[in-house]
Amino acid sequence: MSQIESSSGQTYLLRGGKLFDPRCDELVEGVEVLVEGDRIKAVSRPDGQGSESLRAANATRIDLGGRTLMPGLIDAHVHIFITNLPLASLESMPLTYVALSSAALMRRMLMRGFTTVRDAAGGDFGMKAACEAGLVVGPRLFIAGMAMSQTGGHGDFRRRTQAPLECHSCAGLHYLARVVDGVPEMLKAVRDELRKGADHIKLMVSGGVASPHDPLDSVQFRVDEIEAACQEARNWNKYVCAHAYSAEAVTRAVRAGVRSIEHGNMIDEATAQVMAEKKAFLVPTLVTYDTIERRASEIGLPPKSRQANVVVRKAGLRSLEIARRAGVEIGFGTDLLGQLQEEQSREFLIRREVERPIDILRSATLVNARILQRDGELGELVPGAMADLLIVDGDPLSDLSVLQDQGEHIAVIMMGGRFYKNRLP
C-alpha cells in the first residue's frame, strides 16, 4: 500500500522490530506498541519501562521485520509560504498561488518523515486548519503568523524606493512579516497575531542573509519592544522565538524573555552561558548556509547576501559546540527556502560533523517537542502521545543516511494514527 490510507480510529499492534527511544542511547529490542485511534495506547518493552502486557485482541498486527520504529521527526524552523527563490519573485505571486505551492512543499516534507513542523514566519491559521481538516496532506503545523520586523529590519523587504505597504495580502512576499516600531505598535501586532491563531511569536532582532538592506551584525528592536512582545506572548501561554546571529543580539533577546533563538551562528561562550541560565533553546539551521553556498547562482542570490552567508556558514558548527558545552538545549531546524527545501534531511549529515547521531535525533524529537510545548505528546512513543511514527529500513543511530533520499528508506509514515505511507507486506 503506497497511497494514503484513512485509518484513524483503528487499532494496530506494531511488533517485531527495534524502538528508537530518544531517552535511550541505544535501540530497544522486543518492544510492542499499541496504537488506538490517533494516540499511542500502550507500550510493552522488556526493560520494564512500559506496560507489562498489551491487550490487543482486535488490533491489526503489523510485523516490522526487524526495522526501526521511531517517533516522527520535527523540524522547528521552516517557511511553508516561501515557495520560490529569489525572494523577489514572491512579490508578483498572489497568495492563492503561494498557498497551492505550499501544499505541494508540505506533502514532500511529510514524505521525508517530518510529521511536525514549526513555521517561523508566514504560515497562517488557514493553512493549519486545512492540514487539520485533511484538505492538505502535510505535517502537523505550528504557526507564527507574520513575523515582527522593525523598519529597515530583517523582515522589511521593501525596495529602497518603495513607499509604505498598502496591502499585506496582495502578494506572497509581504505576507511573511509586518513592520512595527515602538512598544504600542508591538503590543497591537503581537495581540493581533495571537488573535489570528499564532502558536508562537517571531521577532527579527538582528540582520540576516536574505534581507536586502540591513547589516548582518545590526541589532534590531529596542529592549523594551522585545520585552513587550515576550510579555504579551506569556499572557497567552505562548512564547517568542527570535531570528538572531550576533552574540549581542542573542544576549539582548534572551535577557528580554525570548525563549528560542533561531540560527545563533555567532554566539560566544558568555552568550551561551546566558542562554543556559535563562533556559533558552538554540535552533541552528546549518543546512541552509551550505545549500546557499552551493546553489547561490541558481537562486539569484545578490552579492551582499553571498558575503553574509560566508560569514555565518563558517561560524555555524562552532556555535553548536559552544552551546552544548554550556548546557544549552539544541533543537533541529532547517530554514530552507523555496526549491532548496528538497535538501531538508541533509541537516542530519552536516551536524554529524560535531554531534553524535543520538544527540541530533534527540534534537529532532524530544527537544523540539519541548520547544513546541508538547512534551509527552510529540517526539516520543509513549502512552498518550500522538501516533506520529516512522518505520525505517536500518538503524539511524549508526547510519543517518537512512533518513536521506527524500524518505526512500522510510517504509511507513503514520501521523495521528493514519498511514500516509506504507510499503510493508
Foldseek 3Di string as FASTA:
>chain_A
DFAWDPFAQAKEKEAAEWEDFLVDLDTFHGKIWIDGGFATAWIDGPVPPTDPDDDCPPHHYDHLNHFYKYFFFEAAEEALQLAAFPLVVQQPAAPVVSLVSSLVLQQLVVLLRHQEYEYQFQDFPVSQVCCVVVVGPGHNYAYQFAAEFAVVAQLPQDDPPDDDDDDQRGTSSSRGHDHADDQVRLLVVLVVRVVRPHQAYEYEQAHALSHDGGARGGGGDDLNSLLSNQVSQVVVVHFYEYEHAAQVNLQSNLVSGHAEYEANLHHDLVSLLSCVVSQHEYEHAQVQLVLCQVCVVVRVRDPSSVVRSVVSNVSRLVSVVSNVVSPHQYAYHHHHGHPRCLCVLCSLVVNVVPDQLSSHLCRRAVVVCVNSVNHPATRGRRRPHGPFMWTFGDDCRVPVCSSHDSNPRTQWTDGSSITRGHDRD
